[in-house]
PDB file of N, CA and C in Angstrom:
ATOM      1  N   MET A   1       0.976  -0.852  -0.043  1.00  0.00           N
ATOM      2  CA  MET A   1       0.151   0.088  -0.022  1.00  0.00           C
ATOM      3  C   MET A   1       1.019   1.238   0.110  1.00  0.00           C
ATOM      4  N   GLU A   2       1.627   1.038   0.966  1.00  0.00           N
ATOM      5  CA  GLU A   2       2.996   2.627   0.695  1.00  0.00           C
ATOM      6  C   GLU A   2       3.125   2.688  -0.329  1.00  0.00           C
ATOM      7  N   GLN A   3       4.238   2.062  -0.592  1.00  0.00           N
ATOM      8  CA  GLN A   3       4.909   1.695  -2.599  1.00  0.00           C
ATOM      9  C   GLN A   3       3.492   2.532  -3.391  1.00  0.00           C
ATOM     10  N   ASP A   4       2.218   2.258  -3.018  1.00  0.00           N
ATOM     11  CA  ASP A   4       1.350   2.487  -4.136  1.00  0.00           C
ATOM     12  C   ASP A   4       1.188   4.356  -3.750  1.00  0.00           C
ATOM     13  N   ILE A   5       0.945   4.658  -3.226  1.00  0.00           N
ATOM     14  CA  ILE A   5       1.233   6.132  -2.680  1.00  0.00           C
ATOM     15  C   ILE A   5       2.473   6.599  -3.170  1.00  0.00           C
ATOM     16  N   LEU A   6       3.225   6.271  -3.131  1.00  0.00           N
ATOM     17  CA  LEU A   6       4.397   6.881  -3.329  1.00  0.00           C
ATOM     18  C   LEU A   6       4.895   6.689  -4.925  1.00  0.00           C
ATOM     19  N   ARG A   7       4.729   6.014  -5.653  1.00  0.00           N
ATOM     20  CA  ARG A   7       4.814   5.939  -7.322  1.00  0.00           C
ATOM     21  C   ARG A   7       3.100   6.631  -7.575  1.00  0.00           C
ATOM     22  N   ARG A   8       2.190   6.999  -6.950  1.00  0.00           N
ATOM     23  CA  ARG A   8       1.027   7.864  -7.225  1.00  0.00           C
ATOM     24  C   ARG A   8       1.642   9.232  -6.920  1.00  0.00           C
ATOM     25  N   MET A   9       2.305   9.438  -5.948  1.00  0.00           N
ATOM     26  CA  MET A   9       2.714  10.955  -6.120  1.00  0.00           C
ATOM     27  C   MET A   9       3.550  11.662  -6.318  1.00  0.00           C
ATOM     28  N   ALA A  10       4.831  10.538  -7.363  1.00  0.00           N
ATOM     29  CA  ALA A  10       5.935  10.850  -7.610  1.00  0.00           C
ATOM     30  C   ALA A  10       5.485  10.885  -9.286  1.00  0.00           C
ATOM     31  N   LEU A  11       4.665  10.265  -9.724  1.00  0.00           N
ATOM     32  CA  LEU A  11       3.935  10.560 -11.080  1.00  0.00           C
ATOM     33  C   LEU A  11       2.912  11.827 -11.089  1.00  0.00           C
ATOM     34  N   PHE A  12       2.057  11.904  -9.882  1.00  0.00           N
ATOM     35  CA  PHE A  12       1.474  13.363 -10.175  1.00  0.00           C
ATOM     36  C   PHE A  12       2.433  14.481 -10.034  1.00  0.00           C
ATOM     37  N   CYS A  13       3.526  14.661  -9.426  1.00  0.00           N
ATOM     38  CA  CYS A  13       4.553  15.637  -9.274  1.00  0.00           C
ATOM     39  C   CYS A  13       5.278  15.794 -11.105  1.00  0.00           C
ATOM     40  N   LYS A  14       5.241  14.770 -11.467  1.00  0.00           N
ATOM     41  CA  LYS A  14       6.034  14.536 -13.077  1.00  0.00           C
ATOM     42  C   LYS A  14       4.500  15.398 -13.549  1.00  0.00           C
ATOM     43  N   ALA A  15       3.343  15.120 -13.622  1.00  0.00           N
ATOM     44  CA  ALA A  15       2.594  15.300 -14.721  1.00  0.00           C
ATOM     45  C   ALA A  15       1.825  16.899 -14.321  1.00  0.00           C
ATOM     46  N   ALA A  16       2.289  17.438 -13.106  1.00  0.00           N
ATOM     47  CA  ALA A  16       2.491  18.540 -12.567  1.00  0.00           C
ATOM     48  C   ALA A  16       2.959  19.475 -13.253  1.00  0.00           C
ATOM     49  N   VAL A  17       4.273  19.261 -13.672  1.00  0.00           N
ATOM     50  CA  VAL A  17       5.526  20.098 -14.400  1.00  0.00           C
ATOM     51  C   VAL A  17       5.097  19.978 -15.657  1.00  0.00           C
ATOM     52  N   GLU A  18       4.294  19.040 -16.261  1.00  0.00           N
ATOM     53  CA  GLU A  18       4.110  19.025 -17.807  1.00  0.00           C
ATOM     54  C   GLU A  18       2.913  19.600 -18.094  1.00  0.00           C
ATOM     55  N   VAL A  19       1.987  20.143 -17.183  1.00  0.00           N
ATOM     56  CA  VAL A  19       0.470  20.448 -18.004  1.00  0.00           C
ATOM     57  C   VAL A  19       0.855  22.072 -18.148  1.00  0.00           C
ATOM     58  N   PRO A  20       1.886  22.925 -17.619  1.00  0.00           N
ATOM     59  CA  PRO A  20       1.596  24.220 -18.354  1.00  0.00           C
ATOM     60  C   PRO A  20       1.687  23.492 -19.907  1.00  0.00           C
ATOM     61  N   TRP A  21       2.341  22.635 -20.125  1.00  0.00           N
ATOM     62  CA  TRP A  21       3.337  22.327 -21.798  1.00  0.00           C
ATOM     63  C   TRP A  21       1.731  22.429 -22.223  1.00  0.00           C
ATOM     64  N   HIS A  22       0.725  21.333 -22.088  1.00  0.00           N
ATOM     65  CA  HIS A  22      -0.749  20.725 -22.917  1.00  0.00           C
ATOM     66  C   HIS A  22      -1.543  21.167 -22.399  1.00  0.00           C
ATOM     67  N   VAL A  23      -1.837  21.683 -21.304  1.00  0.00           N
ATOM     68  CA  VAL A  23      -3.033  22.170 -21.040  1.00  0.00           C
ATOM     69  C   VAL A  23      -3.101  23.793 -21.065  1.00  0.00           C
ATOM     70  N   PRO A  24      -4.213  24.313 -22.008  1.00  0.00           N
ATOM     71  CA  PRO A  24      -4.834  25.280 -22.644  1.00  0.00           C
ATOM     72  C   PRO A  24      -5.127  26.580 -20.893  1.00  0.00           C
ATOM     73  N   CYS A  25      -4.594  27.297 -20.535  1.00  0.00           N
ATOM     74  CA  CYS A  25      -5.374  27.670 -19.385  1.00  0.00           C
ATOM     75  C   CYS A  25      -5.651  29.392 -19.919  1.00  0.00           C
ATOM     76  N   GLY A  26      -6.856  29.569 -20.234  1.00  0.00           N
ATOM     77  CA  GLY A  26      -7.583  31.074 -21.097  1.00  0.00           C
ATOM     78  C   GLY A  26      -7.172  30.868 -21.997  1.00  0.00           C
ATOM     79  N   GLY A  27      -7.265  30.040 -23.225  1.00  0.00           N
ATOM     80  CA  GLY A  27      -7.052  29.636 -24.490  1.00  0.00           C
ATOM     81  C   GLY A  27      -5.615  29.195 -25.171  1.00  0.00           C
ATOM     82  N   VAL A  28      -4.841  29.153 -23.726  1.00  0.00           N
ATOM     83  CA  VAL A  28      -2.971  29.269 -24.342  1.00  0.00           C
ATOM     84  C   VAL A  28      -2.551  28.430 -23.429  1.00  0.00           C
ATOM     85  N   CYS A  29      -1.356  27.760 -23.818  1.00  0.00           N
ATOM     86  CA  CYS A  29      -0.373  26.816 -22.971  1.00  0.00           C
ATOM     87  C   CYS A  29       0.710  27.740 -22.599  1.00  0.00           C
ATOM     88  N   TYR A  30       1.239  27.853 -21.134  1.00  0.00           N
ATOM     89  CA  TYR A  30       1.692  28.920 -20.784  1.00  0.00           C
ATOM     90  C   TYR A  30       3.523  28.205 -21.093  1.00  0.00           C
ATOM     91  N   GLY A  31       3.452  27.153 -21.391  1.00  0.00           N
ATOM     92  CA  GLY A  31       4.303  26.588 -21.785  1.00  0.00           C
ATOM     93  C   GLY A  31       5.795  26.817 -20.692  1.00  0.00           C
ATOM     94  N   ASP A  32       6.702  27.398 -21.449  1.00  0.00           N
ATOM     95  CA  ASP A  32       8.404  27.736 -20.498  1.00  0.00           C
ATOM     96  C   ASP A  32       7.712  29.302 -20.064  1.00  0.00           C
ATOM     97  N   GLY A  33       7.101  29.670 -19.979  1.00  0.00           N
ATOM     98  CA  GLY A  33       6.465  31.131 -18.852  1.00  0.00           C
ATOM     99  C   GLY A  33       6.881  31.072 -17.298  1.00  0.00           C
ATOM    100  N   ASN A  34       6.791  32.443 -17.150  1.00  0.00           N
ATOM    101  CA  ASN A  34       6.915  32.763 -15.813  1.00  0.00           C
ATOM    102  C   ASN A  34       5.960  32.021 -15.042  1.00  0.00           C
ATOM    103  N   LEU A  35       6.261  30.697 -14.457  1.00  0.00           N
ATOM    104  CA  LEU A  35       5.177  29.918 -13.516  1.00  0.00           C
ATOM    105  C   LEU A  35       5.843  30.013 -11.979  1.00  0.00           C
ATOM    106  N   VAL A  36       4.950  29.741 -10.952  1.00  0.00           N
ATOM    107  CA  VAL A  36       5.658  29.243  -9.750  1.00  0.00           C
ATOM    108  C   VAL A  36       4.916  28.107  -9.503  1.00  0.00           C
ATOM    109  N   PHE A  37       5.486  27.142  -8.878  1.00  0.00           N
ATOM    110  CA  PHE A  37       4.880  26.198  -8.566  1.00  0.00           C
ATOM    111  C   PHE A  37       4.343  25.864  -7.159  1.00  0.00           C
ATOM    112  N   ILE A  38       4.111  25.605  -6.869  1.00  0.00           N
ATOM    113  CA  ILE A  38       3.541  25.551  -5.012  1.00  0.00           C
ATOM    114  C   ILE A  38       3.500  23.727  -4.304  1.00  0.00           C
ATOM    115  N   ALA A  39       4.811  23.391  -4.197  1.00  0.00           N
ATOM    116  CA  ALA A  39       4.587  22.193  -3.197  1.00  0.00           C
ATOM    117  C   ALA A  39       4.084  22.166  -1.931  1.00  0.00           C
ATOM    118  N   ASN A  40       2.964  21.255  -1.444  1.00  0.00           N
ATOM    119  CA  ASN A  40       2.163  21.489  -0.396  1.00  0.00           C
ATOM    120  C   ASN A  40       3.008  20.085   0.689  1.00  0.00           C
ATOM    121  N   ASP A  41       3.841  19.710   1.009  1.00  0.00           N
ATOM    122  CA  ASP A  41       3.921  18.726   2.032  1.00  0.00           C
ATOM    123  C   ASP A  41       4.831  17.698   1.385  1.00  0.00           C
ATOM    124  N   TRP A  42       5.049  16.425   1.704  1.00  0.00           N
ATOM    125  CA  TRP A  42       5.967  15.471   1.368  1.00  0.00           C
ATOM    126  C   TRP A  42       4.935  15.054  -0.379  1.00  0.00           C
ATOM    127  N   HIS A  43       4.051  15.245  -0.123  1.00  0.00           N
ATOM    128  CA  HIS A  43       3.181  14.499  -1.500  1.00  0.00           C
ATOM    129  C   HIS A  43       3.296  15.735  -2.822  1.00  0.00           C
ATOM    130  N   THR A  44       3.802  16.403  -2.704  1.00  0.00           N
ATOM    131  CA  THR A  44       4.929  17.148  -3.997  1.00  0.00           C
ATOM    132  C   THR A  44       5.986  17.710  -3.896  1.00  0.00           C
ATOM    133  N   ALA A  45       6.938  17.271  -3.027  1.00  0.00           N
ATOM    134  CA  ALA A  45       8.660  17.560  -2.359  1.00  0.00           C
ATOM    135  C   ALA A  45       8.847  17.363  -3.909  1.00  0.00           C
ATOM    136  N   LEU A  46       8.729  16.297  -4.594  1.00  0.00           N
ATOM    137  CA  LEU A  46       9.650  15.677  -5.997  1.00  0.00           C
ATOM    138  C   LEU A  46       9.655  16.910  -6.754  1.00  0.00           C
ATOM    139  N   LEU A  47       8.499  17.658  -7.316  1.00  0.00           N
ATOM    140  CA  LEU A  47       7.864  18.737  -8.139  1.00  0.00           C
ATOM    141  C   LEU A  47       9.608  19.541  -8.384  1.00  0.00           C
ATOM    142  N   PRO A  48       9.839  20.309  -7.235  1.00  0.00           N
ATOM    143  CA  PRO A  48      11.124  20.855  -7.706  1.00  0.00           C
ATOM    144  C   PRO A  48      12.286  20.042  -8.274  1.00  0.00           C
ATOM    145  N   VAL A  49      12.463  19.339  -7.415  1.00  0.00           N
ATOM    146  CA  VAL A  49      13.692  18.001  -8.115  1.00  0.00           C
ATOM    147  C   VAL A  49      13.757  17.969  -9.731  1.00  0.00           C
ATOM    148  N   TYR A  50      11.952  17.645  -9.908  1.00  0.00           N
ATOM    149  CA  TYR A  50      12.089  17.709 -11.276  1.00  0.00           C
ATOM    150  C   TYR A  50      12.039  18.382 -12.446  1.00  0.00           C
ATOM    151  N   LEU A  51      11.465  19.959 -11.685  1.00  0.00           N
ATOM    152  CA  LEU A  51      11.738  20.933 -12.531  1.00  0.00           C
ATOM    153  C   LEU A  51      13.055  21.444 -12.249  1.00  0.00           C
ATOM    154  N   LYS A  52      13.675  20.998 -11.850  1.00  0.00           N
ATOM    155  CA  LYS A  52      15.497  21.299 -12.175  1.00  0.00           C
ATOM    156  C   LYS A  52      15.989  20.103 -12.556  1.00  0.00           C
ATOM    157  N   ALA A  53      15.836  18.946 -12.331  1.00  0.00           N
ATOM    158  CA  ALA A  53      16.296  17.435 -13.282  1.00  0.00           C
ATOM    159  C   ALA A  53      15.881  17.555 -14.573  1.00  0.00           C
ATOM    160  N   TYR A  54      14.872  17.604 -15.209  1.00  0.00           N
ATOM    161  CA  TYR A  54      14.568  17.413 -16.140  1.00  0.00           C
ATOM    162  C   TYR A  54      14.075  18.526 -17.124  1.00  0.00           C
ATOM    163  N   TYR A  55      14.059  20.262 -16.511  1.00  0.00           N
ATOM    164  CA  TYR A  55      13.892  21.071 -17.541  1.00  0.00           C
ATOM    165  C   TYR A  55      14.726  21.938 -17.418  1.00  0.00           C
ATOM    166  N   ARG A  56      15.224  22.783 -15.753  1.00  0.00           N
ATOM    167  CA  ARG A  56      16.411  23.493 -15.873  1.00  0.00           C
ATOM    168  C   ARG A  56      18.026  23.438 -16.348  1.00  0.00           C
ATOM    169  N   ASP A  57      17.994  21.908 -16.404  1.00  0.00           N
ATOM    170  CA  ASP A  57      19.032  21.459 -16.323  1.00  0.00           C
ATOM    171  C   ASP A  57      19.728  21.151 -17.984  1.00  0.00           C
ATOM    172  N   ASN A  58      17.962  21.203 -18.785  1.00  0.00           N
ATOM    173  CA  ASN A  58      17.847  21.152 -20.170  1.00  0.00           C
ATOM    174  C   ASN A  58      17.288  22.338 -20.594  1.00  0.00           C
ATOM    175  N   GLY A  59      17.715  23.358 -20.311  1.00  0.00           N
ATOM    176  CA  GLY A  59      17.584  24.861 -21.162  1.00  0.00           C
ATOM    177  C   GLY A  59      16.095  25.577 -20.988  1.00  0.00           C
ATOM    178  N   LEU A  60      14.796  24.373 -20.247  1.00  0.00           N
ATOM    179  CA  LEU A  60      13.750  24.699 -20.505  1.00  0.00           C
ATOM    180  C   LEU A  60      13.416  25.805 -19.072  1.00  0.00           C
ATOM    181  N   MET A  61      12.565  26.056 -18.853  1.00  0.00           N
ATOM    182  CA  MET A  61      11.869  26.706 -17.720  1.00  0.00           C
ATOM    183  C   MET A  61      12.694  27.368 -16.671  1.00  0.00           C
ATOM    184  N   LYS A  62      13.380  28.369 -17.338  1.00  0.00           N
ATOM    185  CA  LYS A  62      14.569  28.902 -16.713  1.00  0.00           C
ATOM    186  C   LYS A  62      13.923  30.083 -15.387  1.00  0.00           C
ATOM    187  N   TYR A  63      12.728  30.669 -15.968  1.00  0.00           N
ATOM    188  CA  TYR A  63      12.351  31.880 -15.375  1.00  0.00           C
ATOM    189  C   TYR A  63      11.201  30.680 -14.002  1.00  0.00           C
ATOM    190  N   THR A  64      10.741  29.854 -14.542  1.00  0.00           N
ATOM    191  CA  THR A  64      10.131  29.285 -13.001  1.00  0.00           C
ATOM    192  C   THR A  64      10.590  28.747 -12.122  1.00  0.00           C
ATOM    193  N   ARG A  65       9.707  28.970 -11.291  1.00  0.00           N
ATOM    194  CA  ARG A  65      10.506  28.821  -9.781  1.00  0.00           C
ATOM    195  C   ARG A  65       9.319  27.501  -9.020  1.00  0.00           C
ATOM    196  N   SER A  66       9.668  27.468  -7.482  1.00  0.00           N
ATOM    197  CA  SER A  66       8.971  26.811  -7.130  1.00  0.00           C
ATOM    198  C   SER A  66       9.089  26.423  -5.238  1.00  0.00           C
ATOM    199  N   VAL A  67       7.953  26.638  -4.479  1.00  0.00           N
ATOM    200  CA  VAL A  67       7.925  26.779  -3.419  1.00  0.00           C
ATOM    201  C   VAL A  67       7.840  25.521  -2.373  1.00  0.00           C
ATOM    202  N   LEU A  68       8.017  25.484  -1.291  1.00  0.00           N
ATOM    203  CA  LEU A  68       8.189  24.238  -0.825  1.00  0.00           C
ATOM    204  C   LEU A  68       7.275  24.650   0.165  1.00  0.00           C
ATOM    205  N   VAL A  69       5.771  24.209   1.100  1.00  0.00           N
ATOM    206  CA  VAL A  69       5.972  24.608   1.940  1.00  0.00           C
ATOM    207  C   VAL A  69       5.324  23.142   2.767  1.00  0.00           C
ATOM    208  N   ILE A  70       5.647  23.484   4.165  1.00  0.00           N
ATOM    209  CA  ILE A  70       5.424  22.212   4.875  1.00  0.00           C
ATOM    210  C   ILE A  70       4.516  22.943   6.358  1.00  0.00           C
ATOM    211  N   HIS A  71       3.653  22.849   6.549  1.00  0.00           N
ATOM    212  CA  HIS A  71       2.992  22.863   7.728  1.00  0.00           C
ATOM    213  C   HIS A  71       2.750  21.699   8.331  1.00  0.00           C
ATOM    214  N   ASN A  72       2.238  22.803   9.531  1.00  0.00           N
ATOM    215  CA  ASN A  72       2.400  21.620  11.126  1.00  0.00           C
ATOM    216  C   ASN A  72       3.676  20.727  11.257  1.00  0.00           C
ATOM    217  N   ILE A  73       4.867  21.568  10.911  1.00  0.00           N
ATOM    218  CA  ILE A  73       6.473  21.099  10.782  1.00  0.00           C
ATOM    219  C   ILE A  73       6.519  19.602  12.362  1.00  0.00           C
ATOM    220  N   ALA A  74       5.920  20.512  13.268  1.00  0.00           N
ATOM    221  CA  ALA A  74       6.002  19.211  14.506  1.00  0.00           C
ATOM    222  C   ALA A  74       5.445  18.276  14.387  1.00  0.00           C
ATOM    223  N   HIS A  75       4.351  17.384  13.775  1.00  0.00           N
ATOM    224  CA  HIS A  75       3.379  16.875  13.336  1.00  0.00           C
ATOM    225  C   HIS A  75       4.559  15.829  11.964  1.00  0.00           C
ATOM    226  N   GLN A  76       5.731  15.986  11.647  1.00  0.00           N
ATOM    227  CA  GLN A  76       6.662  15.390  10.313  1.00  0.00           C
ATOM    228  C   GLN A  76       6.838  14.760  10.781  1.00  0.00           C
TER     229      GLN A  76
END
């Protein structure tokens, strides 16, 4: 069960980084624009890693930023 959740969250993070390239928002795909991803807790903590490893290191999404937000850190 736990492995399944980890796999799903990893896939979710990868998909979230891909969304601006494929899903039109207001009729336009943002692609490489000025974007900010907000990664909330451990569920989406891989998103900044994917952003750097798959995109920034390859010259894409240079101006895209990410923020990792951890609430209730005492309970983590």
